[in-house]
């Protein structure tokens, strides 16, 4: 093991990790017992395999105790937490917002899933169009479903097979996006199983911010759509270079390629997401996770021109014959009445312009506190911010692509940071050092994180 990496002693990191794992075990015995029971029935010990990703050996179990709206809760062992993970964005509205609880309760008494529109449907459709700037919408049960639907439509109207993605990107269970570049060659992202999917025929991958590579890939004329986050968030947060989005939009138009923007994470940039804030003009747009207060839901929108292309193949008004064409996507729970009712509450009462103003201010406070501590210890790290989302990166300079991020990744130091914070009641997203502020976050929540982060840096630098 290299003794010094990212400005800290890795031997010390290893010793601290042993201490923190022992502390975790001492203070979370009930969670450990529940997880051991869970392994008798759940494939990976808990309802979702993602829940095994929490560092410490087992996930904490949340206590069934009522609490005030916000980002604080207690586990079954009595340990309190400030939550900056927020369900990896699914909880971006905060926990227990009264408007969301009321909407759930009201609609549950009427019916949760009817496969029929209700009174909230027209309002929600109009609000999606107003906020995000695309006129026509469809609901799904996840952003993965929405992305897959858009890819299917893009292939249908262009007659092209490939989807272009950026190395290191993550778009849920979209098979085409499970790839990355290593030394210029395409490999499976995170060593995921290839699932026998023909990536060499259906995927194309380039580095983010690499305009010449993007142009070369699109000029081949076989890409149906580019699937992109406007700023990468799932491999380490990576901002677009000045002029990159203008080049992306110009090149996709010149090559007849549809542009699909996935704002499942970057929705935190403002009421209309990064797209509205920066005046982007996608052909297709996906937003998920937080849009229905944590209920599984997503939405995808189409531009006027793209919708008209789709209607040429799948008419808007179905034919009177019984055997009408099938869209190839759907799900009977998509657009269910409970989801739509809660979505209306979220868009009208929770994720408001005033809420985003607070969230963005708190994120800046969080970023500033982290950077102040880093500077005080002369570490080659920095905290970056995209909307209400902040990430600590173990590098001096902001990355331009996934390769830059990978060069400075330090899994051992990252694991220690997560566990150290968790042992002191601060949760961040378990996959990398990402934090999110929400309408229920308070300034003292942010200050709590920053104080514990300062303690962590003091420990690793001692």
Protein backbone atom coordinates (compact mmCIF):
# COMPACT_ATOMS: atom_id res chain seq x y z
CA UNK A 1 0.00 0.00 0.00
CA UNK A 2 1.31 3.46 -0.89
CA UNK A 3 1.87 5.26 2.41
CA UNK A 4 0.65 8.66 1.25
CA UNK A 5 -2.22 9.12 -1.21
CA UNK A 6 -4.43 12.16 -1.80
CA UNK A 7 -2.38 13.98 0.82
CA UNK A 8 -3.01 11.59 3.72
CA UNK A 9 -1.28 8.58 5.27
CA UNK A 10 -3.00 5.40 4.10
CA UNK A 11 -1.59 3.53 7.08
CA UNK A 12 -3.43 5.96 9.34
CA UNK A 13 -6.58 5.61 7.22
CA UNK A 14 -6.41 1.83 7.74
CA UNK A 15 -6.03 2.19 11.53
CA UNK A 16 -8.90 4.66 11.76
CA UNK A 17 -11.08 2.37 9.67
CA UNK A 18 -10.60 -0.45 12.20
CA UNK A 19 -11.59 1.89 15.02
CA UNK A 20 -14.66 3.15 13.20
CA UNK A 21 -15.84 -0.34 12.29
CA UNK A 22 -15.57 -1.36 15.93
CA UNK A 23 -17.56 1.73 16.97
CA UNK A 24 -20.22 0.98 14.35
CA UNK A 25 -20.60 -2.59 15.64
CA UNK A 26 -20.91 -1.45 19.27
CA UNK A 27 -23.60 1.12 18.55
CA UNK A 28 -25.77 -0.72 16.01
CA UNK A 29 -26.32 -4.20 17.43
CA UNK A 30 -30.08 -4.17 16.85
CA UNK A 31 -29.62 -3.23 13.19
CA UNK A 32 -27.08 -6.04 12.87
CA UNK A 33 -29.53 -8.57 14.31
CA UNK A 34 -32.31 -7.41 11.97
CA UNK A 35 -29.97 -7.67 9.00
CA UNK A 36 -29.01 -11.22 10.00
CA UNK A 37 -32.72 -12.07 10.08
CA UNK A 38 -33.18 -10.37 6.73
CA UNK A 39 -30.63 -12.65 5.15
CA UNK A 40 -33.07 -15.50 5.71
CA UNK A 41 -35.58 -14.04 3.24
CA UNK A 42 -34.06 -11.21 1.19
CA UNK A 43 -31.65 -11.99 -1.65
CA UNK A 44 -29.11 -9.48 -0.28
CA UNK A 45 -30.34 -9.16 3.30
CA UNK A 46 -32.69 -6.20 2.77
CA UNK A 47 -35.56 -5.28 0.40
CA UNK A 48 -33.18 -3.74 -2.18
CA UNK A 49 -29.68 -4.89 -3.08
CA UNK A 50 -28.60 -1.21 -2.98
CA UNK A 51 -29.13 -1.26 0.79
CA UNK A 52 -26.12 -3.54 1.24
CA UNK A 53 -23.87 -0.77 -0.11
CA UNK A 54 -23.76 1.14 3.18
CA UNK A 55 -20.31 0.85 4.71
CA UNK A 56 -20.07 -0.77 8.15
CA UNK A 57 -21.09 -4.35 7.38
CA UNK A 58 -24.88 -3.95 7.50
CA UNK A 59 -27.38 -1.15 6.90
CA UNK A 60 -28.89 0.82 9.73
CA UNK A 61 -32.59 0.15 10.30
CA UNK A 62 -34.78 3.21 10.66
CA UNK A 63 -37.01 3.35 13.75
CA UNK A 64 -40.78 3.55 13.23
CA UNK A 65 -41.14 6.76 15.19
CA UNK A 66 -43.09 9.84 14.10
CA UNK A 67 -40.96 12.96 13.72
CA UNK A 68 -41.27 16.52 12.54
CA UNK A 69 -40.82 17.32 8.85
CA UNK A 70 -37.17 17.66 7.90
CA UNK A 71 -34.09 15.49 7.40
CA UNK A 72 -33.63 13.99 10.85
CA UNK A 73 -34.59 10.52 12.03
CA UNK A 74 -33.49 7.86 14.53
CA UNK A 75 -32.42 4.26 14.01
CA UNK A 76 -33.61 1.21 15.95
CA UNK A 77 -30.59 1.49 18.25
CA UNK A 78 -31.52 5.06 19.21
CA UNK A 79 -28.85 6.81 17.13
CA UNK A 80 -30.00 10.13 15.60
CA UNK A 81 -29.09 11.18 12.04
CA UNK A 82 -29.02 14.19 9.76
CA UNK A 83 -29.78 12.93 6.26
CA UNK A 84 -27.87 14.33 3.25
CA UNK A 85 -28.37 11.14 1.25
CA UNK A 86 -32.15 11.61 1.01
CA UNK A 87 -32.68 8.23 -0.60
CA UNK A 88 -30.08 9.04 -3.27
CA UNK A 89 -32.40 11.89 -4.37
CA UNK A 90 -35.71 10.03 -4.02
CA UNK A 91 -36.24 11.89 -0.71
CA UNK A 92 -35.32 15.33 -2.08
CA UNK A 93 -38.59 16.71 -0.74
CA UNK A 94 -37.52 15.81 2.81
CA UNK A 95 -39.13 13.31 5.16
CA UNK A 96 -42.77 13.70 6.14
CA UNK A 97 -43.80 16.92 4.37
CA UNK A 98 -47.40 17.65 5.48
CA UNK A 99 -48.61 18.39 1.93
CA UNK A 100 -47.29 15.06 0.67
CA UNK A 101 -48.76 13.14 3.60
CA UNK A 102 -52.14 14.83 3.05
CA UNK A 103 -52.15 14.08 -0.69
CA UNK A 104 -51.28 10.43 -0.07
CA UNK A 105 -54.01 10.06 2.54
CA UNK A 106 -56.67 11.84 0.47
CA UNK A 107 -56.05 9.84 -2.70
CA UNK A 108 -55.70 6.52 -0.87
CA UNK A 109 -59.29 6.92 0.33
CA UNK A 110 -60.44 7.36 -3.29
CA UNK A 111 -58.24 4.75 -4.95
CA UNK A 112 -54.53 4.36 -5.58
CA UNK A 113 -54.38 2.63 -8.97
CA UNK A 114 -57.34 2.78 -11.34
CA UNK A 115 -55.70 2.88 -14.79
CA UNK A 116 -57.84 5.98 -15.35
CA UNK A 117 -56.96 9.69 -15.06
CA UNK A 118 -58.23 11.68 -12.10
CA UNK A 119 -58.80 15.31 -11.28
CA UNK A 120 -55.11 16.10 -10.75
CA UNK A 121 -53.96 14.84 -14.16
CA UNK A 122 -54.55 17.97 -16.25
CA UNK A 123 -52.89 20.24 -13.69
CA UNK A 124 -49.82 18.03 -13.45
CA UNK A 125 -49.44 17.75 -17.23
CA UNK A 126 -49.66 21.50 -17.68
CA UNK A 127 -47.20 22.13 -14.85
CA UNK A 128 -44.65 19.69 -16.27
CA UNK A 129 -44.84 21.53 -19.60
CA UNK A 130 -44.55 24.93 -17.92
CA UNK A 131 -41.61 24.02 -15.71
CA UNK A 132 -39.50 22.04 -18.12
CA UNK A 133 -40.42 23.61 -21.45
CA UNK A 134 -41.48 20.52 -23.41
CA UNK A 135 -45.15 20.30 -24.39
CA UNK A 136 -45.99 16.57 -24.25
CA UNK A 137 -45.50 14.18 -21.32
CA UNK A 138 -45.89 10.59 -20.18
CA UNK A 139 -45.46 9.07 -16.72
CA UNK A 140 -43.52 5.92 -15.83
CA UNK A 141 -42.65 4.19 -12.57
CA UNK A 142 -38.92 5.01 -12.67
CA UNK A 143 -36.34 7.08 -14.51
CA UNK A 144 -34.94 3.83 -15.89
CA UNK A 145 -38.33 3.12 -17.47
CA UNK A 146 -38.52 6.67 -18.82
CA UNK A 147 -35.06 6.49 -20.36
CA UNK A 148 -35.83 3.13 -21.95
CA UNK A 149 -39.08 4.47 -23.39
CA UNK A 150 -37.31 7.47 -24.90
CA UNK A 151 -34.62 5.24 -26.41
CA UNK A 152 -37.28 3.04 -27.97
CA UNK A 153 -39.05 6.08 -29.44
CA UNK A 154 -35.76 7.53 -30.70
CA UNK A 155 -34.90 4.31 -32.53
CA UNK A 156 -38.41 4.11 -33.88
CA UNK A 157 -38.42 7.57 -35.47
CA UNK A 158 -34.78 7.68 -36.62
CA UNK A 159 -34.37 4.10 -37.79
CA UNK A 160 -30.96 4.03 -36.12
CA UNK A 161 -29.65 1.45 -33.63
CA UNK A 162 -27.09 3.12 -31.37
CA UNK A 163 -27.33 5.14 -28.16
CA UNK A 164 -24.40 7.42 -27.34
CA UNK A 165 -23.55 7.75 -23.64
CA UNK A 166 -20.70 9.38 -21.75
CA UNK A 167 -18.09 7.27 -20.01
CA UNK A 168 -18.89 6.86 -16.34
CA UNK A 169 -22.52 7.90 -16.73
CA UNK A 170 -25.31 6.03 -14.99
CA UNK A 171 -28.91 6.01 -16.19
CA UNK A 172 -30.46 3.29 -14.06
CA UNK A 173 -31.01 -0.11 -15.65
CA UNK A 174 -30.54 1.14 -19.23
CA UNK A 175 -28.38 -1.59 -20.75
CA UNK A 176 -26.87 0.70 -23.38
CA UNK A 177 -25.34 2.88 -20.65
CA UNK A 178 -23.56 0.13 -18.69
CA UNK A 179 -20.26 0.89 -20.41
CA UNK A 180 -17.19 3.03 -19.85
CA UNK A 181 -13.85 3.79 -21.49
CA UNK A 182 -10.62 2.37 -20.12
CA UNK A 183 -7.47 3.31 -21.98
CA UNK A 184 -9.62 4.18 -24.97
CA UNK A 185 -11.44 0.83 -25.08
CA UNK A 186 -15.03 0.07 -24.13
CA UNK A 187 -15.56 -2.04 -21.00
CA UNK A 188 -18.47 -2.73 -18.66
CA UNK A 189 -19.05 0.01 -16.10
CA UNK A 190 -18.08 -1.05 -12.57
CA UNK A 191 -17.42 -4.56 -13.90
CA UNK A 192 -21.15 -5.19 -14.20
CA UNK A 193 -22.14 -8.39 -16.00
CA UNK A 194 -22.61 -7.78 -19.73
CA UNK A 195 -25.96 -9.59 -19.72
CA UNK A 196 -25.15 -10.71 -23.29
CA UNK A 197 -26.26 -7.29 -24.51
CA UNK A 198 -24.59 -6.39 -27.86
CA UNK A 199 -22.94 -3.17 -26.73
CA UNK A 200 -20.59 -3.21 -29.71
CA UNK A 201 -23.62 -2.86 -32.00
CA UNK A 202 -26.01 -0.74 -29.92
CA UNK A 203 -23.87 1.51 -27.69
CA UNK A 204 -21.31 4.19 -28.36
CA UNK A 205 -19.33 5.82 -25.57
CA UNK A 206 -17.15 8.94 -25.44
CA UNK A 207 -15.67 11.02 -22.63
CA UNK A 208 -17.71 13.93 -21.30
CA UNK A 209 -16.55 17.35 -22.53
CA UNK A 210 -14.66 15.82 -25.49
CA UNK A 211 -16.21 17.65 -28.44
CA UNK A 212 -13.95 16.13 -31.18
CA UNK A 213 -14.78 12.59 -29.97
CA UNK A 214 -18.46 13.46 -29.79
CA UNK A 215 -18.46 14.82 -33.33
CA UNK A 216 -16.58 11.80 -34.71
CA UNK A 217 -19.10 9.46 -33.07
CA UNK A 218 -22.16 11.31 -34.33
CA UNK A 219 -20.87 11.84 -37.87
CA UNK A 220 -21.06 8.08 -38.44
CA UNK A 221 -24.81 8.55 -38.78
CA UNK A 222 -25.99 5.54 -36.78
CA UNK A 223 -26.78 7.13 -33.40
CA UNK A 224 -30.49 7.40 -32.62
CA UNK A 225 -30.04 9.54 -29.53
CA UNK A 226 -27.50 10.94 -27.10
CA UNK A 227 -28.44 10.09 -23.51
CA UNK A 228 -26.83 12.56 -21.12
CA UNK A 229 -27.03 14.22 -17.76
CA UNK A 230 -26.46 17.96 -18.29
CA UNK A 231 -23.78 17.73 -15.59
CA UNK A 232 -22.52 14.30 -14.63
CA UNK A 233 -23.38 13.28 -11.07
CA UNK A 234 -23.09 9.51 -10.82
CA UNK A 235 -19.35 8.94 -11.07
CA UNK A 236 -18.25 12.03 -9.25
CA UNK A 237 -19.76 15.37 -10.16
CA UNK A 238 -18.43 16.74 -13.44
CA UNK A 239 -19.51 20.12 -14.81
CA UNK A 240 -19.77 20.80 -18.54
CA UNK A 241 -17.06 22.98 -20.08
CA UNK A 242 -18.16 26.41 -21.32
CA UNK A 243 -19.68 25.92 -24.76
CA UNK A 244 -20.05 22.16 -24.42
CA UNK A 245 -23.84 22.11 -24.43
CA UNK A 246 -23.97 24.45 -27.39
CA UNK A 247 -21.70 22.05 -29.30
CA UNK A 248 -23.74 19.04 -28.19
CA UNK A 249 -26.98 20.60 -29.41
CA UNK A 250 -25.46 21.77 -32.71
CA UNK A 251 -23.90 18.40 -33.50
CA UNK A 252 -27.01 16.40 -32.67
CA UNK A 253 -29.11 18.62 -34.92
CA UNK A 254 -26.60 18.50 -37.75
CA UNK A 255 -26.50 14.69 -37.63
CA UNK A 256 -30.23 14.08 -37.15
CA UNK A 257 -29.66 12.68 -33.67
CA UNK A 258 -32.18 13.17 -30.88
CA UNK A 259 -30.93 14.71 -27.64
CA UNK A 260 -32.24 13.05 -24.47
CA UNK A 261 -31.46 14.89 -21.21
CA UNK A 262 -31.82 12.92 -17.97
CA UNK A 263 -32.35 15.26 -15.01
CA UNK A 264 -33.04 12.66 -12.34
CA UNK A 265 -30.25 14.16 -10.20
CA UNK A 266 -29.74 17.64 -11.67
CA UNK A 267 -33.35 18.54 -10.93
CA UNK A 268 -31.79 19.99 -7.77
CA UNK A 269 -30.54 22.92 -9.88
CA UNK A 270 -33.89 24.72 -9.76
CA UNK A 271 -37.65 24.43 -10.33
CA UNK A 272 -37.08 23.58 -14.01
CA UNK A 273 -33.85 21.70 -13.45
CA UNK A 274 -30.54 22.44 -15.13
CA UNK A 275 -32.31 22.57 -18.50
CA UNK A 276 -34.50 25.55 -17.67
CA UNK A 277 -31.73 27.30 -15.73
CA UNK A 278 -29.29 27.13 -18.65
CA UNK A 279 -31.72 27.31 -21.56
CA UNK A 280 -31.01 23.85 -22.98
CA UNK A 281 -33.24 22.58 -25.79
CA UNK A 282 -33.54 18.78 -25.57
CA UNK A 283 -35.74 16.72 -27.86
CA UNK A 284 -36.54 14.42 -24.96
CA UNK A 285 -36.34 15.05 -21.22
CA UNK A 286 -36.49 12.70 -18.22
CA UNK A 287 -37.04 13.55 -14.58
CA UNK A 288 -37.50 10.98 -11.83
CA UNK A 289 -37.05 10.00 -8.18
CA UNK A 290 -38.01 13.22 -6.38
CA UNK A 291 -40.87 14.25 -8.67
CA UNK A 292 -43.49 12.37 -6.60
CA UNK A 293 -42.07 12.80 -3.12
CA UNK A 294 -40.33 9.43 -3.08
CA UNK A 295 -43.18 7.36 -4.53
CA UNK A 296 -41.68 5.40 -7.46
CA UNK A 297 -42.36 7.67 -10.43
CA UNK A 298 -40.76 9.49 -13.32
CA UNK A 299 -41.85 11.53 -16.30
CA UNK A 300 -40.54 12.02 -19.81
CA UNK A 301 -41.35 14.90 -22.10
CA UNK A 302 -41.07 15.35 -25.85
CA UNK A 303 -40.58 18.48 -27.92
CA UNK A 304 -43.24 19.44 -30.45
CA UNK A 305 -41.16 18.20 -33.39
CA UNK A 306 -40.30 14.90 -31.68
CA UNK A 307 -43.91 14.27 -30.67
CA UNK A 308 -45.03 14.81 -34.25
CA UNK A 309 -42.43 12.27 -35.43
CA UNK A 310 -43.74 9.77 -32.89
CA UNK A 311 -47.35 10.34 -33.91
CA UNK A 312 -46.46 9.51 -37.49
CA UNK A 313 -45.67 5.97 -36.33
CA UNK A 314 -47.97 5.72 -33.31
CA UNK A 315 -50.96 7.99 -33.98
CA UNK A 316 -52.09 10.16 -31.10
CA UNK A 317 -55.68 9.07 -31.62
CA UNK A 318 -55.76 5.26 -31.80
CA UNK A 319 -57.48 3.61 -34.76
CA UNK A 320 -60.91 2.14 -34.22
CA UNK A 321 -59.67 -1.33 -35.07
CA UNK A 322 -59.01 -3.45 -32.02
CA UNK A 323 -55.44 -4.45 -32.89
CA UNK A 324 -53.79 -1.01 -32.61
CA UNK A 325 -50.00 -0.68 -32.49
CA UNK A 326 -48.32 -1.14 -29.09
CA UNK A 327 -45.79 1.44 -27.92
CA UNK A 328 -43.49 -1.21 -26.45
CA UNK A 329 -43.34 0.40 -23.01
CA UNK A 330 -45.73 1.13 -20.19
CA UNK A 331 -46.58 -0.62 -16.94
CA UNK A 332 -50.04 -0.72 -15.42
CA UNK A 333 -48.89 1.25 -12.37
CA UNK A 334 -47.46 4.11 -14.45
CA UNK A 335 -49.40 7.31 -13.89
CA UNK A 336 -51.47 5.81 -11.10
CA UNK A 337 -53.80 8.11 -9.22
CA UNK A 338 -51.75 8.14 -6.01
CA UNK A 339 -48.60 9.16 -7.89
CA UNK A 340 -50.34 11.95 -9.78
CA UNK A 341 -51.96 13.32 -6.62
CA UNK A 342 -48.64 13.42 -4.79
CA UNK A 343 -46.88 14.86 -7.85
CA UNK A 344 -49.31 17.77 -7.76
CA UNK A 345 -48.52 18.39 -4.10
CA UNK A 346 -44.78 18.24 -4.79
CA UNK A 347 -44.90 20.65 -7.72
CA UNK A 348 -47.32 23.10 -6.13
CA UNK A 349 -46.30 23.10 -2.45
CA UNK A 350 -42.88 21.49 -1.93
CA UNK A 351 -40.38 22.03 -4.78
CA UNK A 352 -41.29 25.68 -5.19
CA UNK A 353 -39.02 28.52 -6.37
CA UNK A 354 -38.73 29.70 -2.77
CA UNK A 355 -37.72 26.21 -1.63
CA UNK A 356 -35.03 25.99 -4.30
CA UNK A 357 -33.66 29.37 -3.28
CA UNK A 358 -33.19 28.05 0.26
CA UNK A 359 -31.76 24.74 -0.93
CA UNK A 360 -29.19 26.42 -3.17
CA UNK A 361 -28.11 28.72 -0.36
CA UNK A 362 -27.68 25.81 2.03
CA UNK A 363 -25.66 23.87 -0.55
CA UNK A 364 -23.32 26.83 -0.94
CA UNK A 365 -22.96 26.98 2.86
CA UNK A 366 -22.13 23.27 2.85
CA UNK A 367 -19.60 23.61 0.04
CA UNK A 368 -17.94 26.61 1.64
CA UNK A 369 -17.59 24.85 4.99
CA UNK A 370 -15.96 21.81 3.39
CA UNK A 371 -13.59 23.92 1.30
CA UNK A 372 -12.62 26.03 4.31
CA UNK A 373 -11.59 22.92 6.24
CA UNK A 374 -9.70 21.52 3.25
CA UNK A 375 -7.79 24.77 2.76
CA UNK A 376 -6.93 25.04 6.45
CA UNK A 377 -5.14 21.67 6.27
CA UNK A 378 -3.56 22.23 2.86
CA UNK A 379 -5.12 19.11 1.36
CA UNK A 380 -5.31 18.58 -2.43
CA UNK A 381 -9.09 18.16 -2.30
CA UNK A 382 -12.07 20.33 -3.11
CA UNK A 383 -15.87 20.38 -2.83
CA UNK A 384 -17.90 21.04 -5.96
CA UNK A 385 -21.55 22.06 -6.25
CA UNK A 386 -24.27 21.45 -8.85
CA UNK A 387 -27.51 23.03 -7.74
CA UNK A 388 -28.38 21.84 -4.25
CA UNK A 389 -25.95 18.92 -4.57
CA UNK A 390 -22.39 18.99 -3.17
CA UNK A 391 -19.56 16.49 -3.48
CA UNK A 392 -16.15 16.22 -1.85
CA UNK A 393 -13.51 15.11 -4.37
CA UNK A 394 -10.02 13.96 -3.43
CA UNK A 395 -8.40 16.06 -6.16
CA UNK A 396 -7.09 19.60 -6.33
CA UNK A 397 -8.74 20.48 -9.64
CA UNK A 398 -12.27 19.94 -10.93
CA UNK A 399 -12.51 16.89 -13.22
CA UNK A 400 -13.51 17.22 -16.88
CA UNK A 401 -14.48 13.58 -17.36
CA UNK A 402 -14.72 10.18 -15.69
CA UNK A 403 -11.06 9.38 -16.32
CA UNK A 404 -10.07 12.45 -14.33
CA UNK A 405 -12.30 11.32 -11.46
CA UNK A 406 -10.96 7.78 -11.55
CA UNK A 407 -7.37 9.01 -11.38
CA UNK A 408 -7.98 10.48 -7.94
CA UNK A 409 -10.47 7.98 -6.48
CA UNK A 410 -9.40 6.54 -3.15
CA UNK A 411 -11.84 3.81 -2.08
CA UNK A 412 -10.28 3.33 1.36
CA UNK A 413 -10.35 7.02 2.22
CA UNK A 414 -13.86 7.32 0.80
CA UNK A 415 -15.09 4.40 2.91
CA UNK A 416 -13.56 5.90 6.04
CA UNK A 417 -15.20 9.26 5.39
CA UNK A 418 -18.62 7.63 5.00
CA UNK A 419 -18.29 5.52 8.12
CA UNK A 420 -16.82 8.34 10.22
CA UNK A 421 -19.74 10.60 9.30
CA UNK A 422 -22.31 7.86 9.87
CA UNK A 423 -20.89 7.03 13.30
CA UNK A 424 -21.47 10.67 14.22
CA UNK A 425 -24.98 10.86 12.85
CA UNK A 426 -24.44 12.26 9.36
CA UNK A 427 -25.58 10.31 6.27
CA UNK A 428 -24.26 11.01 2.78
CA UNK A 429 -24.93 9.04 -0.40
CA UNK A 430 -23.11 5.70 0.02
CA UNK A 431 -21.77 5.39 -3.53
CA UNK A 432 -19.44 8.40 -3.50
CA UNK A 433 -19.09 11.59 -1.46
CA UNK A 434 -22.32 13.23 -2.59
CA UNK A 435 -24.68 15.29 -0.43
CA UNK A 436 -28.05 16.88 -1.14
CA UNK A 437 -29.96 19.70 0.54
CA UNK A 438 -33.75 19.76 0.45
CA UNK A 439 -36.59 22.07 1.52
CA UNK A 440 -36.51 20.46 4.97
CA UNK A 441 -32.76 20.94 5.50
CA UNK A 442 -31.83 23.58 8.09
CA UNK A 443 -28.69 25.63 8.52
CA UNK A 444 -27.83 23.73 11.71
CA UNK A 445 -28.05 20.47 9.75
CA UNK A 446 -25.44 21.83 7.36
CA UNK A 447 -23.32 23.08 10.24
CA UNK A 448 -23.50 19.64 11.84
CA UNK A 449 -22.05 18.03 8.71
CA UNK A 450 -19.32 20.64 8.41
CA UNK A 451 -18.31 20.25 12.04
CA UNK A 452 -18.04 16.47 11.76
CA UNK A 453 -16.16 16.80 8.45
CA UNK A 454 -13.68 19.11 10.17
CA UNK A 455 -13.19 16.49 12.91
CA UNK A 456 -12.60 13.85 10.24
CA UNK A 457 -9.94 15.90 8.47
CA UNK A 458 -8.25 16.62 11.80
CA UNK A 459 -8.14 12.88 12.51
CA UNK A 460 -6.73 11.76 9.16
CA UNK A 461 -4.14 14.53 9.16
CA UNK A 462 -2.97 13.96 12.75
